[in-house]
Amino acid sequence: MTTVLALGAAAGVTWFLRVLTVTIVPAHQLPAIVREALPHVGPAVLAALITASLLTAPDHHSAAFGIGAAATAFLAWRGHSALTAVLVGLVVVAVLGRL
C-alpha cells in the first residue's frame, strides 16, 4: 500500500509542477531558442531511452530487440511520428520473439 501511495504522491507532485510551470510561464513568453528546441525533446528522450536500454540491460541483448530498436530508429529518422516508430518497433520485437 505504501508503494501505491508513494507513486500517487509522485504523480501528484509531477502534475502540480507541470501545471505550475505552464501557468507561470506560458509558451508564448518563452525565449525563441527554447520554443524552437521543444519539438526535439520527444525524439531526444526516445533515443536516450532506447540507447540506455540497449547498452545496459543484459537480458535484452537478443537479435529481436536489436532489430526492433533499429526499426524504431529508422522510422524516427525518416520523420514518422514517435508513436508510429515505437509501435512498429514493438511489433517487430514481438514477431521476431515468436520465431
N, C-alpha and C. Protein backbone atom coordinates (compact mmCIF):
# COMPACT_ATOMS: atom_id res chain seq x y z
N MET A 1 0.82 -1.20 0.00
CA MET A 1 0.00 0.00 0.00
C MET A 1 0.86 1.27 0.00
N THR A 2 2.01 1.20 0.70
CA THR A 2 2.87 2.38 0.73
C THR A 2 3.47 2.68 -0.64
N THR A 3 3.67 1.64 -1.44
CA THR A 3 4.17 1.86 -2.79
C THR A 3 3.15 2.62 -3.63
N VAL A 4 1.90 2.24 -3.50
CA VAL A 4 0.84 2.92 -4.24
C VAL A 4 0.73 4.38 -3.79
N LEU A 5 0.83 4.61 -2.51
CA LEU A 5 0.79 5.98 -2.01
C LEU A 5 1.98 6.80 -2.50
N ALA A 6 3.15 6.19 -2.51
CA ALA A 6 4.34 6.89 -3.00
C ALA A 6 4.21 7.23 -4.47
N LEU A 7 3.73 6.28 -5.27
CA LEU A 7 3.54 6.54 -6.70
C LEU A 7 2.48 7.61 -6.92
N GLY A 8 1.41 7.56 -6.15
CA GLY A 8 0.37 8.58 -6.26
C GLY A 8 0.88 9.96 -5.88
N ALA A 9 1.67 10.03 -4.82
CA ALA A 9 2.24 11.31 -4.40
C ALA A 9 3.20 11.84 -5.45
N ALA A 10 4.03 10.96 -6.02
CA ALA A 10 4.96 11.38 -7.07
C ALA A 10 4.21 11.89 -8.29
N ALA A 11 3.15 11.19 -8.67
CA ALA A 11 2.35 11.63 -9.81
C ALA A 11 1.69 12.98 -9.53
N GLY A 12 1.18 13.16 -8.32
CA GLY A 12 0.56 14.42 -7.96
C GLY A 12 1.54 15.59 -7.97
N VAL A 13 2.72 15.36 -7.43
CA VAL A 13 3.74 16.42 -7.43
C VAL A 13 4.17 16.75 -8.85
N THR A 14 4.36 15.73 -9.68
CA THR A 14 4.75 15.96 -11.07
C THR A 14 3.68 16.75 -11.80
N TRP A 15 2.43 16.36 -11.63
CA TRP A 15 1.33 17.08 -12.28
C TRP A 15 1.26 18.52 -11.80
N PHE A 16 1.40 18.73 -10.49
CA PHE A 16 1.36 20.08 -9.94
C PHE A 16 2.48 20.95 -10.50
N LEU A 17 3.69 20.41 -10.58
CA LEU A 17 4.81 21.18 -11.13
C LEU A 17 4.59 21.50 -12.60
N ARG A 18 4.02 20.58 -13.34
CA ARG A 18 3.75 20.83 -14.76
C ARG A 18 2.72 21.94 -14.92
N VAL A 19 1.64 21.86 -14.19
CA VAL A 19 0.60 22.89 -14.26
C VAL A 19 1.15 24.23 -13.79
N LEU A 20 1.93 24.22 -12.72
CA LEU A 20 2.51 25.46 -12.21
C LEU A 20 3.44 26.10 -13.24
N THR A 21 4.27 25.29 -13.89
CA THR A 21 5.19 25.81 -14.90
C THR A 21 4.43 26.40 -16.08
N VAL A 22 3.41 25.72 -16.56
CA VAL A 22 2.64 26.21 -17.70
C VAL A 22 1.86 27.47 -17.31
N THR A 23 1.40 27.55 -16.08
CA THR A 23 0.65 28.71 -15.64
C THR A 23 1.55 29.92 -15.45
N ILE A 24 2.71 29.72 -14.87
CA ILE A 24 3.61 30.84 -14.59
C ILE A 24 4.30 31.32 -15.86
N VAL A 25 4.76 30.38 -16.69
CA VAL A 25 5.48 30.75 -17.91
C VAL A 25 4.74 30.18 -19.12
N PRO A 26 3.79 30.91 -19.69
CA PRO A 26 3.09 30.43 -20.88
C PRO A 26 4.07 30.28 -22.05
N ALA A 27 3.73 29.42 -22.98
CA ALA A 27 4.63 29.11 -24.09
C ALA A 27 4.99 30.33 -24.92
N HIS A 28 4.08 31.27 -25.07
CA HIS A 28 4.38 32.43 -25.89
C HIS A 28 5.37 33.38 -25.22
N GLN A 29 5.65 33.19 -23.93
CA GLN A 29 6.61 34.02 -23.23
C GLN A 29 8.00 33.40 -23.16
N LEU A 30 8.13 32.17 -23.61
CA LEU A 30 9.44 31.52 -23.60
C LEU A 30 10.36 32.16 -24.64
N PRO A 31 11.65 32.14 -24.40
CA PRO A 31 12.58 32.65 -25.41
C PRO A 31 12.46 31.84 -26.71
N ALA A 32 12.76 32.49 -27.82
CA ALA A 32 12.61 31.84 -29.13
C ALA A 32 13.46 30.57 -29.22
N ILE A 33 14.64 30.58 -28.68
CA ILE A 33 15.51 29.41 -28.77
C ILE A 33 14.90 28.21 -28.04
N VAL A 34 14.21 28.46 -26.94
CA VAL A 34 13.56 27.37 -26.20
C VAL A 34 12.37 26.84 -26.99
N ARG A 35 11.55 27.75 -27.55
CA ARG A 35 10.39 27.32 -28.35
C ARG A 35 10.84 26.49 -29.55
N GLU A 36 11.97 26.86 -30.18
CA GLU A 36 12.47 26.11 -31.33
C GLU A 36 13.00 24.74 -30.94
N ALA A 37 13.50 24.61 -29.71
CA ALA A 37 14.07 23.35 -29.26
C ALA A 37 13.01 22.36 -28.76
N LEU A 38 11.86 22.83 -28.35
CA LEU A 38 10.84 21.96 -27.76
C LEU A 38 10.41 20.78 -28.65
N PRO A 39 10.22 20.94 -29.96
CA PRO A 39 9.83 19.78 -30.76
C PRO A 39 10.87 18.66 -30.80
N HIS A 40 12.09 18.97 -30.43
CA HIS A 40 13.16 17.97 -30.48
C HIS A 40 13.31 17.20 -29.17
N VAL A 41 12.58 17.60 -28.15
CA VAL A 41 12.72 16.96 -26.85
C VAL A 41 12.21 15.52 -26.89
N GLY A 42 11.05 15.29 -27.47
CA GLY A 42 10.48 13.94 -27.54
C GLY A 42 11.39 12.94 -28.25
N PRO A 43 11.84 13.24 -29.47
CA PRO A 43 12.75 12.30 -30.13
C PRO A 43 14.07 12.10 -29.37
N ALA A 44 14.57 13.14 -28.73
CA ALA A 44 15.81 13.00 -27.97
C ALA A 44 15.62 12.07 -26.78
N VAL A 45 14.49 12.20 -26.09
CA VAL A 45 14.21 11.32 -24.96
C VAL A 45 14.02 9.88 -25.43
N LEU A 46 13.32 9.70 -26.55
CA LEU A 46 13.13 8.36 -27.10
C LEU A 46 14.48 7.73 -27.45
N ALA A 47 15.35 8.48 -28.10
CA ALA A 47 16.67 7.96 -28.45
C ALA A 47 17.48 7.63 -27.20
N ALA A 48 17.39 8.46 -26.18
CA ALA A 48 18.13 8.20 -24.94
C ALA A 48 17.62 6.94 -24.25
N LEU A 49 16.32 6.74 -24.23
CA LEU A 49 15.76 5.54 -23.59
C LEU A 49 16.16 4.27 -24.34
N ILE A 50 16.10 4.32 -25.66
CA ILE A 50 16.48 3.15 -26.45
C ILE A 50 17.96 2.85 -26.29
N THR A 51 18.79 3.88 -26.36
CA THR A 51 20.23 3.67 -26.22
C THR A 51 20.58 3.12 -24.84
N ALA A 52 19.99 3.69 -23.80
CA ALA A 52 20.26 3.20 -22.45
C ALA A 52 19.81 1.75 -22.29
N SER A 53 18.68 1.42 -22.87
CA SER A 53 18.18 0.05 -22.79
C SER A 53 19.09 -0.92 -23.54
N LEU A 54 19.56 -0.50 -24.71
CA LEU A 54 20.45 -1.36 -25.49
C LEU A 54 21.80 -1.57 -24.81
N LEU A 55 22.29 -0.55 -24.13
CA LEU A 55 23.63 -0.63 -23.57
C LEU A 55 23.69 -1.18 -22.15
N THR A 56 22.58 -1.17 -21.42
CA THR A 56 22.65 -1.55 -20.00
C THR A 56 21.86 -2.79 -19.63
N ALA A 57 20.89 -3.18 -20.39
CA ALA A 57 20.04 -4.31 -20.00
C ALA A 57 20.58 -5.61 -20.59
N PRO A 58 21.21 -6.45 -19.77
CA PRO A 58 21.83 -7.66 -20.31
C PRO A 58 20.83 -8.67 -20.86
N ASP A 59 19.60 -8.69 -20.34
CA ASP A 59 18.63 -9.67 -20.83
C ASP A 59 17.92 -9.21 -22.10
N HIS A 60 18.23 -8.02 -22.60
CA HIS A 60 17.63 -7.54 -23.84
C HIS A 60 18.60 -7.59 -25.00
N HIS A 61 19.68 -8.30 -24.86
CA HIS A 61 20.67 -8.36 -25.93
C HIS A 61 20.33 -9.46 -26.93
N SER A 62 19.10 -9.53 -27.31
CA SER A 62 18.70 -10.51 -28.30
C SER A 62 18.64 -9.85 -29.67
N ALA A 63 18.67 -10.66 -30.69
CA ALA A 63 18.60 -10.13 -32.06
C ALA A 63 17.27 -9.43 -32.30
N ALA A 64 16.19 -9.97 -31.75
CA ALA A 64 14.87 -9.37 -31.95
C ALA A 64 14.83 -7.95 -31.38
N PHE A 65 15.41 -7.77 -30.21
CA PHE A 65 15.41 -6.45 -29.59
C PHE A 65 16.27 -5.48 -30.41
N GLY A 66 17.40 -5.92 -30.88
CA GLY A 66 18.27 -5.07 -31.69
C GLY A 66 17.62 -4.66 -33.00
N ILE A 67 16.97 -5.61 -33.66
CA ILE A 67 16.29 -5.31 -34.92
C ILE A 67 15.10 -4.38 -34.68
N GLY A 68 14.37 -4.61 -33.60
CA GLY A 68 13.26 -3.71 -33.25
C GLY A 68 13.74 -2.30 -32.96
N ALA A 69 14.86 -2.19 -32.27
CA ALA A 69 15.43 -0.86 -31.99
C ALA A 69 15.88 -0.19 -33.28
N ALA A 70 16.46 -0.96 -34.19
CA ALA A 70 16.89 -0.40 -35.47
C ALA A 70 15.69 0.07 -36.29
N ALA A 71 14.61 -0.70 -36.27
CA ALA A 71 13.40 -0.30 -36.99
C ALA A 71 12.82 0.98 -36.40
N THR A 72 12.81 1.07 -35.08
CA THR A 72 12.31 2.27 -34.41
C THR A 72 13.17 3.48 -34.77
N ALA A 73 14.48 3.31 -34.71
CA ALA A 73 15.39 4.41 -35.03
C ALA A 73 15.23 4.85 -36.49
N PHE A 74 15.07 3.88 -37.39
CA PHE A 74 14.92 4.22 -38.80
C PHE A 74 13.65 5.01 -39.05
N LEU A 75 12.54 4.56 -38.47
CA LEU A 75 11.28 5.27 -38.68
C LEU A 75 11.31 6.66 -38.04
N ALA A 76 11.92 6.77 -36.88
CA ALA A 76 12.04 8.09 -36.25
C ALA A 76 12.92 9.00 -37.10
N TRP A 77 13.98 8.46 -37.66
CA TRP A 77 14.89 9.24 -38.50
C TRP A 77 14.20 9.70 -39.79
N ARG A 78 13.34 8.86 -40.35
CA ARG A 78 12.65 9.20 -41.60
C ARG A 78 11.51 10.19 -41.37
N GLY A 79 11.25 10.57 -40.14
CA GLY A 79 10.29 11.61 -39.88
C GLY A 79 8.88 11.14 -39.54
N HIS A 80 8.70 9.87 -39.30
CA HIS A 80 7.39 9.40 -38.87
C HIS A 80 7.17 9.83 -37.43
N SER A 81 5.95 9.71 -36.96
CA SER A 81 5.67 10.10 -35.59
C SER A 81 6.36 9.15 -34.62
N ALA A 82 6.62 9.64 -33.42
CA ALA A 82 7.26 8.81 -32.40
C ALA A 82 6.38 7.62 -32.05
N LEU A 83 5.08 7.83 -32.01
CA LEU A 83 4.15 6.75 -31.69
C LEU A 83 4.23 5.64 -32.74
N THR A 84 4.24 6.02 -34.02
CA THR A 84 4.35 5.03 -35.08
C THR A 84 5.66 4.27 -34.99
N ALA A 85 6.74 4.99 -34.76
CA ALA A 85 8.05 4.35 -34.67
C ALA A 85 8.09 3.35 -33.53
N VAL A 86 7.58 3.72 -32.36
CA VAL A 86 7.60 2.83 -31.21
C VAL A 86 6.69 1.62 -31.44
N LEU A 87 5.50 1.84 -31.99
CA LEU A 87 4.59 0.72 -32.24
C LEU A 87 5.18 -0.28 -33.23
N VAL A 88 5.78 0.22 -34.31
CA VAL A 88 6.40 -0.68 -35.27
C VAL A 88 7.56 -1.45 -34.62
N GLY A 89 8.36 -0.76 -33.82
CA GLY A 89 9.45 -1.43 -33.11
C GLY A 89 8.94 -2.53 -32.19
N LEU A 90 7.86 -2.26 -31.47
CA LEU A 90 7.29 -3.27 -30.58
C LEU A 90 6.74 -4.46 -31.36
N VAL A 91 6.10 -4.20 -32.49
CA VAL A 91 5.57 -5.29 -33.31
C VAL A 91 6.72 -6.14 -33.85
N VAL A 92 7.80 -5.50 -34.30
CA VAL A 92 8.95 -6.24 -34.81
C VAL A 92 9.53 -7.14 -33.72
N VAL A 93 9.69 -6.60 -32.52
CA VAL A 93 10.23 -7.41 -31.41
C VAL A 93 9.29 -8.56 -31.08
N ALA A 94 7.99 -8.29 -31.06
CA ALA A 94 7.02 -9.35 -30.73
C ALA A 94 7.03 -10.46 -31.79
N VAL A 95 7.05 -10.07 -33.06
CA VAL A 95 7.01 -11.07 -34.14
C VAL A 95 8.31 -11.88 -34.15
N LEU A 96 9.44 -11.19 -34.07
CA LEU A 96 10.72 -11.91 -34.10
C LEU A 96 10.93 -12.75 -32.84
N GLY A 97 10.35 -12.30 -31.72
CA GLY A 97 10.47 -13.06 -30.48
C GLY A 97 9.68 -14.36 -30.54
N ARG A 98 8.66 -14.40 -31.37
CA ARG A 98 7.86 -15.63 -31.51
C ARG A 98 8.50 -16.65 -32.44
N LEU A 99 9.41 -16.18 -33.29
CA LEU A 99 10.03 -17.09 -34.26
C LEU A 99 11.07 -17.97 -33.63
